[in-house]
Protein backbone atom coordinates (compact mmCIF):
# COMPACT_ATOMS: atom_id res chain seq x y z
CA MET A 1 0.32 22.49 0.69
CA SER A 2 -2.52 21.33 2.93
CA THR A 3 -4.92 18.41 3.01
CA ALA A 4 -7.81 18.29 0.57
CA PRO A 5 -11.44 17.49 1.45
CA GLY A 6 -11.60 13.78 2.26
CA ASP A 7 -8.05 13.55 3.60
CA VAL A 8 -7.39 13.16 7.33
CA GLU A 9 -4.27 14.45 9.07
CA ILE A 10 -2.90 12.48 12.01
CA THR A 11 0.28 12.45 14.11
CA HIS A 12 2.16 9.18 14.48
CA GLY A 13 5.63 8.70 15.94
CA GLY A 14 6.00 12.45 16.24
CA HIS A 15 5.36 13.03 12.52
CA SER A 16 2.39 14.43 10.64
CA PHE A 17 0.78 12.14 8.04
CA TRP A 18 -2.18 12.39 5.70
CA LEU A 19 -4.52 9.42 5.40
CA LEU A 20 -5.75 9.53 1.81
CA PRO A 21 -8.97 8.08 0.34
CA GLU A 22 -6.86 6.42 -2.36
CA ARG A 23 -5.44 4.01 0.28
CA ALA A 24 -2.08 5.75 0.46
CA LEU A 25 -0.31 7.58 3.27
CA TYR A 26 1.41 10.89 2.57
CA TRP A 27 4.36 12.09 4.66
CA PRO A 28 4.41 15.80 3.81
CA SER A 29 7.66 16.72 5.58
CA LYS A 30 9.55 14.24 3.39
CA GLY A 31 7.39 14.32 0.29
CA TRP A 32 6.98 10.53 0.48
CA LEU A 33 3.87 8.61 -0.48
CA LEU A 34 3.68 5.27 1.34
CA VAL A 35 1.61 2.41 -0.08
CA ALA A 36 1.47 -1.27 0.74
CA ASP A 37 0.53 -4.46 -1.06
CA THR A 38 0.16 -3.37 -4.67
CA HIS A 39 0.29 -7.06 -5.74
CA TRP A 40 1.04 -6.42 -9.40
CA GLY A 41 0.20 -9.60 -11.32
CA LYS A 42 -2.73 -10.74 -9.16
CA CYS A 43 -4.98 -10.52 -12.24
CA GLN A 44 -2.82 -13.10 -14.02
CA THR A 45 -2.82 -15.39 -10.98
CA LEU A 46 -6.63 -15.37 -10.94
CA ARG A 47 -6.77 -16.02 -14.68
CA ASP A 48 -4.37 -18.96 -14.30
CA ALA A 49 -6.81 -20.36 -11.73
CA GLY A 50 -9.64 -20.15 -14.27
CA ALA A 51 -11.26 -16.87 -13.22
CA PRO A 52 -12.19 -14.61 -16.18
CA VAL A 53 -10.42 -11.53 -14.77
CA PRO A 54 -9.34 -8.81 -17.22
CA MET A 55 -6.24 -6.62 -16.87
CA GLY A 56 -8.49 -3.66 -16.06
CA PRO A 57 -7.91 -3.71 -12.27
CA LEU A 58 -4.14 -3.48 -12.71
CA HIS A 59 -4.44 -0.55 -15.11
CA SER A 60 -6.89 1.13 -12.72
CA ASP A 61 -4.49 0.67 -9.78
CA LEU A 62 -1.59 2.10 -11.79
CA GLN A 63 -3.72 5.08 -12.79
CA ARG A 64 -4.78 5.64 -9.17
CA LEU A 65 -1.16 5.62 -8.01
CA ARG A 66 -0.15 8.09 -10.70
CA ASP A 67 -3.13 10.33 -9.90
CA VAL A 68 -2.52 10.44 -6.13
CA VAL A 69 1.18 11.22 -6.69
CA GLY A 70 0.15 14.15 -8.84
CA ARG A 71 -2.52 15.27 -6.37
CA VAL A 72 -0.19 15.56 -3.37
CA GLY A 73 2.99 16.33 -5.31
CA ALA A 74 4.93 13.38 -3.88
CA ARG A 75 8.64 13.22 -4.62
CA ARG A 76 8.96 9.52 -3.84
CA VAL A 77 6.68 6.49 -3.60
CA VAL A 78 7.78 3.83 -1.12
CA VAL A 79 6.00 0.47 -1.43
CA LEU A 80 5.94 -1.30 1.94
CA GLY A 81 6.17 -4.78 0.53
CA ASP A 82 4.38 -7.08 -1.91
CA LEU A 83 4.94 -4.96 -4.97
CA VAL A 84 4.21 -8.07 -7.03
CA HIS A 85 1.95 -11.02 -6.34
CA GLY A 86 4.51 -13.72 -7.12
CA PRO A 87 5.63 -15.55 -10.28
CA SER A 88 2.82 -13.83 -12.18
CA ALA A 89 5.17 -10.83 -12.29
CA PHE A 90 6.82 -12.67 -15.19
CA ALA A 91 3.58 -13.31 -17.10
CA PRO A 92 3.53 -12.26 -20.75
CA GLY A 93 2.82 -8.57 -21.06
CA MET A 94 3.51 -7.67 -17.39
CA ASP A 95 7.04 -6.37 -17.99
CA GLU A 96 5.89 -4.34 -21.00
CA CYS A 97 2.85 -2.97 -19.12
CA ILE A 98 4.85 -1.71 -16.14
CA SER A 99 7.78 -0.50 -18.25
CA LYS A 100 5.44 1.62 -20.39
CA TRP A 101 3.59 3.02 -17.37
CA ARG A 102 6.64 3.85 -15.25
CA PRO A 103 7.78 7.01 -17.15
CA SER A 104 4.37 8.56 -16.45
CA LEU A 105 4.99 8.40 -12.68
CA PRO A 106 6.77 11.72 -12.00
CA CYS A 107 8.77 10.67 -8.96
CA GLU A 108 11.12 8.08 -7.50
CA LEU A 109 9.77 4.59 -6.80
CA ALA A 110 11.26 2.36 -4.10
CA LEU A 111 10.44 -1.02 -2.55
CA LEU A 112 10.90 -2.53 0.90
CA PRO A 113 10.48 -6.18 -0.10
CA GLY A 114 7.70 -8.29 1.37
CA ASN A 115 7.02 -12.01 1.38
CA HIS A 116 5.53 -12.01 -2.14
CA ASP A 117 8.57 -10.17 -3.48
CA ARG A 118 10.93 -13.11 -2.97
CA VAL A 119 10.54 -13.89 -6.68
CA LEU A 120 12.25 -10.57 -7.45
CA MET A 121 15.46 -11.81 -5.81
CA GLY A 122 15.92 -14.78 -8.15
CA ALA A 123 17.86 -15.11 -11.38
CA ARG A 124 14.67 -14.89 -13.44
CA ALA A 125 14.13 -11.32 -12.21
CA VAL A 126 17.58 -9.95 -13.08
CA GLY A 127 17.12 -6.46 -14.53
CA LEU A 128 13.37 -6.36 -13.90
CA LEU A 129 13.37 -3.76 -11.11
CA GLU A 130 15.87 -1.67 -13.06
CA ARG A 131 13.60 -1.69 -16.11
CA TRP A 132 10.69 -0.72 -13.89
CA GLY A 133 12.68 2.07 -12.28
CA VAL A 134 12.31 0.62 -8.77
CA GLU A 135 14.99 1.16 -6.12
CA LEU A 136 15.36 -1.84 -3.79
CA LEU A 137 15.56 -0.84 -0.12
CA PRO A 138 16.25 -2.95 2.99
CA ALA A 139 13.31 -4.98 4.28
CA ARG A 140 13.28 -2.82 7.43
CA LEU A 141 14.16 0.85 7.21
CA CYS A 142 14.38 3.55 9.90
CA ALA A 143 13.45 6.96 8.51
CA ASP A 144 13.63 9.92 10.90
CA GLY A 145 13.06 7.61 13.86
CA LEU A 146 10.09 5.81 12.27
CA TRP A 147 10.33 2.17 11.25
CA LEU A 148 9.07 1.23 7.77
CA THR A 149 8.44 -2.49 7.30
CA HIS A 150 6.18 -4.92 5.48
CA GLU A 151 4.89 -7.02 8.35
CA PRO A 152 3.63 -5.46 11.58
CA PRO A 153 6.07 -5.75 14.49
CA ASN A 154 5.46 -8.42 17.12
CA ILE A 155 7.36 -6.60 19.84
CA ALA A 156 7.22 -2.99 20.96
CA SER A 157 10.18 -1.49 19.12
CA GLY A 158 9.08 2.05 18.36
CA ALA A 159 6.54 3.63 16.02
CA ALA A 160 6.19 1.85 12.67
CA VAL A 161 4.27 2.00 9.39
CA CYS A 162 3.63 -1.31 7.65
CA GLY A 163 1.24 -3.35 5.50
CA HIS A 164 0.81 -7.11 4.92
CA VAL A 165 -2.47 -7.52 6.84
CA HIS A 166 -4.82 -5.85 4.27
CA PRO A 167 -7.00 -4.49 7.10
CA VAL A 168 -10.69 -3.87 6.56
CA VAL A 169 -13.41 -2.70 8.92
CA ARG A 170 -16.98 -3.99 8.97
CA LEU A 171 -19.59 -1.27 9.39
CA ARG A 172 -23.10 -2.22 10.48
CA GLY A 173 -26.37 -0.35 10.54
CA ARG A 174 -30.10 -0.97 10.16
CA GLY A 175 -29.68 -4.68 9.57
CA ASP A 176 -27.05 -4.27 6.86
CA SER A 177 -23.26 -4.27 6.80
CA MET A 178 -20.35 -3.50 4.53
CA ARG A 179 -16.58 -3.96 4.59
CA LEU A 180 -14.20 -1.14 3.75
CA PRO A 181 -10.39 -1.03 3.57
CA CYS A 182 -9.01 0.81 6.56
CA TYR A 183 -5.99 2.32 8.22
CA TRP A 184 -5.39 0.55 11.52
CA LEU A 185 -3.30 2.11 14.28
CA GLU A 186 -2.36 -0.84 16.47
CA GLY A 187 -1.88 0.76 19.87
CA ALA A 188 0.03 -2.07 21.57
CA PHE A 189 2.93 -1.97 19.10
CA GLU A 190 2.62 1.62 17.80
CA ALA A 191 2.12 0.27 14.28
CA LEU A 192 0.10 2.08 11.63
CA VAL A 193 -1.05 -0.66 9.24
CA LEU A 194 -1.97 0.56 5.76
CA PRO A 195 -4.83 -0.87 3.69
CA ALA A 196 -3.84 -2.88 0.63
CA PHE A 197 -3.42 -0.61 -2.38
CA SER A 198 -4.43 -3.40 -4.76
CA SER A 199 -8.10 -3.44 -5.64
CA LEU A 200 -8.06 -7.26 -6.02
CA VAL A 201 -6.72 -8.63 -2.74
CA ASP A 202 -8.85 -9.95 0.08
CA GLY A 203 -8.94 -8.08 3.36
CA ALA A 204 -8.75 -9.18 7.00
CA THR A 205 -11.45 -7.73 9.24
CA VAL A 206 -9.79 -5.93 12.15
CA ARG A 207 -10.85 -6.79 15.68
CA ALA A 208 -9.83 -3.62 17.48
CA CYS A 209 -8.34 -3.76 20.96
CA PRO A 210 -8.37 -0.99 23.56
CA GLY A 211 -6.01 1.74 22.39
CA ASP A 212 -6.45 0.94 18.69
CA ARG A 213 -7.85 3.40 16.14
CA MET A 214 -9.28 2.78 12.67
CA TRP A 215 -10.11 5.00 9.71
CA ALA A 216 -12.14 3.66 6.77
CA ALA A 217 -11.17 4.65 3.23
CA THR A 218 -14.10 4.99 0.85
CA GLY A 219 -12.25 6.12 -2.27
CA THR A 220 -13.57 9.65 -1.89
CA GLY A 221 -13.00 10.21 1.83
CA VAL A 222 -11.52 8.91 5.07
CA PHE A 223 -13.39 8.78 8.37
CA GLU A 224 -12.58 7.40 11.82
CA CYS A 225 -14.69 4.50 12.99
CA GLY A 226 -14.81 1.89 15.70
């Protein structure tokens, strides 16, 4: 299987990866789809704060994950932290929503826990990941010499793939500008930072340093910028 129009193939840490417009990274040699910061339950958090946010964005994100798994034929999805947004994971209807959706995802689903996933380690969450069909992995995992983590490394410790930052790039032209989620290869620490998979989280505009690379994800294509 090869990349489709809109995908971009790169080499990182000696491995080939596909940067996908859907804000997911495919590792073809392993059949793994890597995503970060799904933040399930963010809709409920915003509603609790008084914002009239429907459940539509969550359903759209779940559909997008299922679709991209089917498109590339992934055998396993690995979430690089912040699967849930926090206590809103226990909001009425959340458990039922994810439990009903999970059988439609035709592959394994695993989680390297991030800072927002601490709620999944408490007594209130007993049985939740099992019902959702999510395998809990260590917070830092070495796979074929590549480190998978939630937060970017702060020391040079080898090539890594991570999330947490929600990177976006600002594009300017003819007096106008726009912000797009992006893949950010941080050259100093050999860290490939994935864009947030959630459609509801805020992004942090990347200030690239010499040696960095960035690719914007538009939803239909990926292109290098900066």
